[in-house]
PDB file of N, CA and C in Angstrom:
ATOM      1  N   MET A   1       0.821  -1.195   0.000  1.00  0.00           N
ATOM      2  CA  MET A   1       0.000   0.000   0.000  1.00  0.00           C
ATOM      3  C   MET A   1       0.860   1.252   0.000  1.00  0.00           C
ATOM      4  N   LEU A   2       1.909   1.261   0.790  1.00  0.00           N
ATOM      5  CA  LEU A   2       2.797   2.411   0.882  1.00  0.00           C
ATOM      6  C   LEU A   2       3.499   2.663  -0.449  1.00  0.00           C
ATOM      7  N   THR A   3       3.823   1.609  -1.163  1.00  0.00           N
ATOM      8  CA  THR A   3       4.465   1.758  -2.468  1.00  0.00           C
ATOM      9  C   THR A   3       3.541   2.476  -3.450  1.00  0.00           C
ATOM     10  N   ASN A   4       2.258   2.151  -3.401  1.00  0.00           N
ATOM     11  CA  ASN A   4       1.300   2.815  -4.284  1.00  0.00           C
ATOM     12  C   ASN A   4       1.194   4.303  -3.984  1.00  0.00           C
ATOM     13  N   LEU A   5       1.238   4.663  -2.702  1.00  0.00           N
ATOM     14  CA  LEU A   5       1.174   6.076  -2.333  1.00  0.00           C
ATOM     15  C   LEU A   5       2.409   6.835  -2.798  1.00  0.00           C
ATOM     16  N   ARG A   6       3.573   6.183  -2.703  1.00  0.00           N
ATOM     17  CA  ARG A   6       4.799   6.826  -3.194  1.00  0.00           C
ATOM     18  C   ARG A   6       4.725   7.034  -4.701  1.00  0.00           C
ATOM     19  N   GLY A   7       4.207   6.059  -5.399  1.00  0.00           N
ATOM     20  CA  GLY A   7       4.052   6.189  -6.853  1.00  0.00           C
ATOM     21  C   GLY A   7       3.092   7.310  -7.217  1.00  0.00           C
ATOM     22  N   PHE A   8       2.007   7.412  -6.473  1.00  0.00           N
ATOM     23  CA  PHE A   8       1.029   8.478  -6.709  1.00  0.00           C
ATOM     24  C   PHE A   8       1.634   9.841  -6.404  1.00  0.00           C
ATOM     25  N   GLY A   9       2.438   9.907  -5.352  1.00  0.00           N
ATOM     26  CA  GLY A   9       3.109  11.166  -5.011  1.00  0.00           C
ATOM     27  C   GLY A   9       4.052  11.597  -6.116  1.00  0.00           C
ATOM     28  N   GLY A  10       4.726  10.661  -6.744  1.00  0.00           N
ATOM     29  CA  GLY A  10       5.616  10.982  -7.863  1.00  0.00           C
ATOM     30  C   GLY A  10       4.845  11.527  -9.052  1.00  0.00           C
ATOM     31  N   VAL A  11       3.674  10.968  -9.301  1.00  0.00           N
ATOM     32  CA  VAL A  11       2.833  11.459 -10.395  1.00  0.00           C
ATOM     33  C   VAL A  11       2.372  12.884 -10.116  1.00  0.00           C
ATOM     34  N   VAL A  12       1.952  13.140  -8.896  1.00  0.00           N
ATOM     35  CA  VAL A  12       1.491  14.483  -8.529  1.00  0.00           C
ATOM     36  C   VAL A  12       2.639  15.484  -8.643  1.00  0.00           C
ATOM     37  N   LYS A  13       3.826  15.113  -8.161  1.00  0.00           N
ATOM     38  CA  LYS A  13       4.985  16.004  -8.265  1.00  0.00           C
ATOM     39  C   LYS A  13       5.323  16.270  -9.725  1.00  0.00           C
ATOM     40  N   GLY A  14       5.215  15.261 -10.553  1.00  0.00           N
ATOM     41  CA  GLY A  14       5.488  15.435 -11.980  1.00  0.00           C
ATOM     42  C   GLY A  14       4.499  16.388 -12.628  1.00  0.00           C
ATOM     43  N   LEU A  15       3.244  16.293 -12.246  1.00  0.00           N
ATOM     44  CA  LEU A  15       2.240  17.190 -12.811  1.00  0.00           C
ATOM     45  C   LEU A  15       2.444  18.627 -12.348  1.00  0.00           C
ATOM     46  N   VAL A  16       2.870  18.797 -11.115  1.00  0.00           N
ATOM     47  CA  VAL A  16       3.111  20.138 -10.589  1.00  0.00           C
ATOM     48  C   VAL A  16       4.307  20.770 -11.282  1.00  0.00           C
ATOM     49  N   ARG A  17       5.323  20.006 -11.575  1.00  0.00           N
ATOM     50  CA  ARG A  17       6.525  20.528 -12.222  1.00  0.00           C
ATOM     51  C   ARG A  17       6.325  20.757 -13.716  1.00  0.00           C
ATOM     52  N   ASP A  18       5.401  20.045 -14.333  1.00  0.00           N
ATOM     53  CA  ASP A  18       5.193  20.133 -15.782  1.00  0.00           C
ATOM     54  C   ASP A  18       4.498  21.440 -16.117  1.00  0.00           C
ATOM     55  N   ASP A  19       5.202  22.331 -16.804  1.00  0.00           N
ATOM     56  CA  ASP A  19       4.613  23.618 -17.163  1.00  0.00           C
ATOM     57  C   ASP A  19       4.435  23.757 -18.669  1.00  0.00           C
ATOM     58  N   SER A  20       4.431  22.650 -19.395  1.00  0.00           N
ATOM     59  CA  SER A  20       4.275  22.735 -20.843  1.00  0.00           C
ATOM     60  C   SER A  20       2.880  23.227 -21.223  1.00  0.00           C
ATOM     61  N   GLY A  21       1.879  22.946 -20.416  1.00  0.00           N
ATOM     62  CA  GLY A  21       0.537  23.457 -20.695  1.00  0.00           C
ATOM     63  C   GLY A  21       0.486  24.963 -20.564  1.00  0.00           C
ATOM     64  N   ALA A  22       1.152  25.498 -19.566  1.00  0.00           N
ATOM     65  CA  ALA A  22       1.200  26.951 -19.389  1.00  0.00           C
ATOM     66  C   ALA A  22       1.950  27.601 -20.543  1.00  0.00           C
ATOM     67  N   THR A  23       3.006  26.963 -21.010  1.00  0.00           N
ATOM     68  CA  THR A  23       3.765  27.505 -22.134  1.00  0.00           C
ATOM     69  C   THR A  23       2.906  27.529 -23.389  1.00  0.00           C
ATOM     70  N   ALA A  24       2.137  26.485 -23.620  1.00  0.00           N
ATOM     71  CA  ALA A  24       1.268  26.440 -24.792  1.00  0.00           C
ATOM     72  C   ALA A  24       0.217  27.544 -24.723  1.00  0.00           C
ATOM     73  N   ILE A  25      -0.314  27.795 -23.560  1.00  0.00           N
ATOM     74  CA  ILE A  25      -1.298  28.868 -23.399  1.00  0.00           C
ATOM     75  C   ILE A  25      -0.647  30.219 -23.664  1.00  0.00           C
ATOM     76  N   GLU A  26       0.569  30.408 -23.180  1.00  0.00           N
ATOM     77  CA  GLU A  26       1.270  31.671 -23.422  1.00  0.00           C
ATOM     78  C   GLU A  26       1.513  31.884 -24.909  1.00  0.00           C
ATOM     79  N   TYR A  27       1.945  30.842 -25.619  1.00  0.00           N
ATOM     80  CA  TYR A  27       2.154  30.971 -27.056  1.00  0.00           C
ATOM     81  C   TYR A  27       0.842  31.253 -27.776  1.00  0.00           C
ATOM     82  N   GLY A  28      -0.236  30.654 -27.320  1.00  0.00           N
ATOM     83  CA  GLY A  28      -1.542  30.926 -27.909  1.00  0.00           C
ATOM     84  C   GLY A  28      -1.966  32.371 -27.712  1.00  0.00           C
ATOM     85  N   LEU A  29      -1.716  32.899 -26.528  1.00  0.00           N
ATOM     86  CA  LEU A  29      -2.050  34.304 -26.266  1.00  0.00           C
ATOM     87  C   LEU A  29      -1.200  35.250 -27.109  1.00  0.00           C
ATOM     88  N   ILE A  30       0.074  34.931 -27.279  1.00  0.00           N
ATOM     89  CA  ILE A  30       0.943  35.758 -28.115  1.00  0.00           C
ATOM     90  C   ILE A  30       0.461  35.727 -29.561  1.00  0.00           C
ATOM     91  N   ALA A  31       0.103  34.554 -30.069  1.00  0.00           N
ATOM     92  CA  ALA A  31      -0.387  34.435 -31.440  1.00  0.00           C
ATOM     93  C   ALA A  31      -1.686  35.212 -31.617  1.00  0.00           C
ATOM     94  N   ALA A  32      -2.569  35.163 -30.625  1.00  0.00           N
ATOM     95  CA  ALA A  32      -3.829  35.909 -30.712  1.00  0.00           C
ATOM     96  C   ALA A  32      -3.568  37.412 -30.707  1.00  0.00           C
ATOM     97  N   LEU A  33      -2.624  37.868 -29.906  1.00  0.00           N
ATOM     98  CA  LEU A  33      -2.280  39.290 -29.860  1.00  0.00           C
ATOM     99  C   LEU A  33      -1.701  39.757 -31.192  1.00  0.00           C
ATOM    100  N   ILE A  34      -0.849  38.944 -31.795  1.00  0.00           N
ATOM    101  CA  ILE A  34      -0.289  39.291 -33.099  1.00  0.00           C
ATOM    102  C   ILE A  34      -1.391  39.348 -34.152  1.00  0.00           C
ATOM    103  N   ALA A  35      -2.327  38.407 -34.107  1.00  0.00           N
ATOM    104  CA  ALA A  35      -3.436  38.405 -35.066  1.00  0.00           C
ATOM    105  C   ALA A  35      -4.291  39.654 -34.914  1.00  0.00           C
ATOM    106  N   VAL A  36      -4.568  40.054 -33.692  1.00  0.00           N
ATOM    107  CA  VAL A  36      -5.358  41.263 -33.450  1.00  0.00           C
ATOM    108  C   VAL A  36      -4.614  42.488 -33.979  1.00  0.00           C
ATOM    109  N   ALA A  37      -3.296  42.541 -33.779  1.00  0.00           N
ATOM    110  CA  ALA A  37      -2.503  43.670 -34.275  1.00  0.00           C
ATOM    111  C   ALA A  37      -2.517  43.726 -35.799  1.00  0.00           C
ATOM    112  N   ILE A  38      -2.409  42.582 -36.450  1.00  0.00           N
ATOM    113  CA  ILE A  38      -2.432  42.545 -37.917  1.00  0.00           C
ATOM    114  C   ILE A  38      -3.794  42.981 -38.439  1.00  0.00           C
ATOM    115  N   ILE A  39      -4.858  42.484 -37.832  1.00  0.00           N
ATOM    116  CA  ILE A  39      -6.209  42.854 -38.266  1.00  0.00           C
ATOM    117  C   ILE A  39      -6.443  44.347 -38.052  1.00  0.00           C
ATOM    118  N   GLY A  40      -6.014  44.858 -36.902  1.00  0.00           N
ATOM    119  CA  GLY A  40      -6.170  46.289 -36.623  1.00  0.00           C
ATOM    120  C   GLY A  40      -5.382  47.140 -37.597  1.00  0.00           C
ATOM    121  N   GLY A  41      -4.159  46.756 -37.885  1.00  0.00           N
ATOM    122  CA  GLY A  41      -3.337  47.501 -38.843  1.00  0.00           C
ATOM    123  C   GLY A  41      -3.924  47.471 -40.242  1.00  0.00           C
ATOM    124  N   ALA A  42      -4.414  46.318 -40.657  1.00  0.00           N
ATOM    125  CA  ALA A  42      -5.017  46.213 -41.986  1.00  0.00           C
ATOM    126  C   ALA A  42      -6.286  47.056 -42.073  1.00  0.00           C
ATOM    127  N   THR A  43      -7.044  47.106 -41.003  1.00  0.00           N
ATOM    128  CA  THR A  43      -8.264  47.910 -40.983  1.00  0.00           C
ATOM    129  C   THR A  43      -7.933  49.397 -41.064  1.00  0.00           C
ATOM    130  N   LEU A  44      -6.932  49.835 -40.319  1.00  0.00           N
ATOM    131  CA  LEU A  44      -6.554  51.251 -40.333  1.00  0.00           C
ATOM    132  C   LEU A  44      -5.949  51.671 -41.666  1.00  0.00           C
ATOM    133  N   LEU A  45      -5.129  50.814 -42.257  1.00  0.00           N
ATOM    134  CA  LEU A  45      -4.476  51.162 -43.511  1.00  0.00           C
ATOM    135  C   LEU A  45      -5.351  50.895 -44.728  1.00  0.00           C
ATOM    136  N   GLY A  46      -6.368  50.089 -44.578  1.00  0.00           N
ATOM    137  CA  GLY A  46      -7.210  49.706 -45.713  1.00  0.00           C
ATOM    138  C   GLY A  46      -7.852  50.897 -46.403  1.00  0.00           C
ATOM    139  N   GLY A  47      -8.425  51.805 -45.638  1.00  0.00           N
ATOM    140  CA  GLY A  47      -9.091  52.963 -46.227  1.00  0.00           C
ATOM    141  C   GLY A  47      -8.131  53.884 -46.946  1.00  0.00           C
ATOM    142  N   SER A  48      -6.991  54.157 -46.356  1.00  0.00           N
ATOM    143  CA  SER A  48      -6.035  55.056 -46.995  1.00  0.00           C
ATOM    144  C   SER A  48      -5.417  54.421 -48.237  1.00  0.00           C
ATOM    145  N   LEU A  49      -5.164  53.120 -48.212  1.00  0.00           N
ATOM    146  CA  LEU A  49      -4.641  52.454 -49.401  1.00  0.00           C
ATOM    147  C   LEU A  49      -5.674  52.438 -50.517  1.00  0.00           C
ATOM    148  N   ASN A  50      -6.934  52.263 -50.160  1.00  0.00           N
ATOM    149  CA  ASN A  50      -7.991  52.286 -51.158  1.00  0.00           C
ATOM    150  C   ASN A  50      -8.059  53.658 -51.826  1.00  0.00           C
ATOM    151  N   ASN A  51      -7.956  54.717 -51.040  1.00  0.00           N
ATOM    152  CA  ASN A  51      -7.956  56.068 -51.601  1.00  0.00           C
ATOM    153  C   ASN A  51      -6.735  56.302 -52.483  1.00  0.00           C
ATOM    154  N   LEU A  52      -5.581  55.826 -52.065  1.00  0.00           N
ATOM    155  CA  LEU A  52      -4.355  55.996 -52.838  1.00  0.00           C
ATOM    156  C   LEU A  52      -4.462  55.298 -54.188  1.00  0.00           C
ATOM    157  N   PHE A  53      -4.881  54.053 -54.197  1.00  0.00           N
ATOM    158  CA  PHE A  53      -4.997  53.320 -55.456  1.00  0.00           C
ATOM    159  C   PHE A  53      -6.095  53.896 -56.344  1.00  0.00           C
ATOM    160  N   GLY A  54      -7.142  54.416 -55.737  1.00  0.00           N
ATOM    161  CA  GLY A  54      -8.187  55.089 -56.523  1.00  0.00           C
ATOM    162  C   GLY A  54      -7.651  56.330 -57.203  1.00  0.00           C
ATOM    163  N   SER A  55      -6.819  57.081 -56.487  1.00  0.00           N
ATOM    164  CA  SER A  55      -6.204  58.273 -57.056  1.00  0.00           C
ATOM    165  C   SER A  55      -5.257  57.916 -58.196  1.00  0.00           C
ATOM    166  N   VAL A  56      -4.446  56.893 -58.000  1.00  0.00           N
ATOM    167  CA  VAL A  56      -3.523  56.446 -59.053  1.00  0.00           C
ATOM    168  C   VAL A  56      -4.306  55.953 -60.254  1.00  0.00           C
ATOM    169  N   SER A  57      -5.350  55.207 -60.011  1.00  0.00           N
ATOM    170  CA  SER A  57      -6.192  54.704 -61.102  1.00  0.00           C
ATOM    171  C   SER A  57      -6.826  55.844 -61.884  1.00  0.00           C
ATOM    172  N   GLY A  58      -7.308  56.849 -61.169  1.00  0.00           N
ATOM    173  CA  GLY A  58      -7.895  58.006 -61.847  1.00  0.00           C
ATOM    174  C   GLY A  58      -6.867  58.751 -62.671  1.00  0.00           C
ATOM    175  N   SER A  59      -5.656  58.880 -62.175  1.00  0.00           N
ATOM    176  CA  SER A  59      -4.594  59.569 -62.916  1.00  0.00           C
ATOM    177  C   SER A  59      -4.215  58.789 -64.163  1.00  0.00           C
ATOM    178  N   VAL A  60      -4.129  57.471 -64.050  1.00  0.00           N
ATOM    179  CA  VAL A  60      -3.782  56.653 -65.217  1.00  0.00           C
ATOM    180  C   VAL A  60      -4.893  56.728 -66.263  1.00  0.00           C
ATOM    181  N   ASN A  61      -6.139  56.668 -65.824  1.00  0.00           N
ATOM    182  CA  ASN A  61      -7.256  56.736 -66.767  1.00  0.00           C
ATOM    183  C   ASN A  61      -7.313  58.080 -67.486  1.00  0.00           C
ATOM    184  N   SER A  62      -7.033  59.167 -66.784  1.00  0.00           N
ATOM    185  CA  SER A  62      -7.103  60.490 -67.404  1.00  0.00           C
ATOM    186  C   SER A  62      -5.910  60.729 -68.305  1.00  0.00           C
ATOM    187  N   ALA A  63      -4.808  60.027 -68.104  1.00  0.00           N
ATOM    188  CA  ALA A  63      -3.615  60.190 -68.933  1.00  0.00           C
ATOM    189  C   ALA A  63      -3.718  59.439 -70.237  1.00  0.00           C
ATOM    190  N   THR A  64      -4.604  58.468 -70.315  1.00  0.00           N
ATOM    191  CA  THR A  64      -4.696  57.674 -71.540  1.00  0.00           C
ATOM    192  C   THR A  64      -5.726  58.178 -72.483  1.00  0.00           C
TER     193      THR A  64
END
């Protein structure tokens, strides 16, 4: 019986020391933050790029 308890204690200690789950969550949060930054940047730049290309298109059309 005592041997089984020692084995169980080793499993519990191993689970407490194992931080790979926390690392995976941290990487997931970093990836989500990067995705939000990319989406936000694309949204902010989208309107100005659309206006720029519209202006260039209008200039090319009027030149031909």
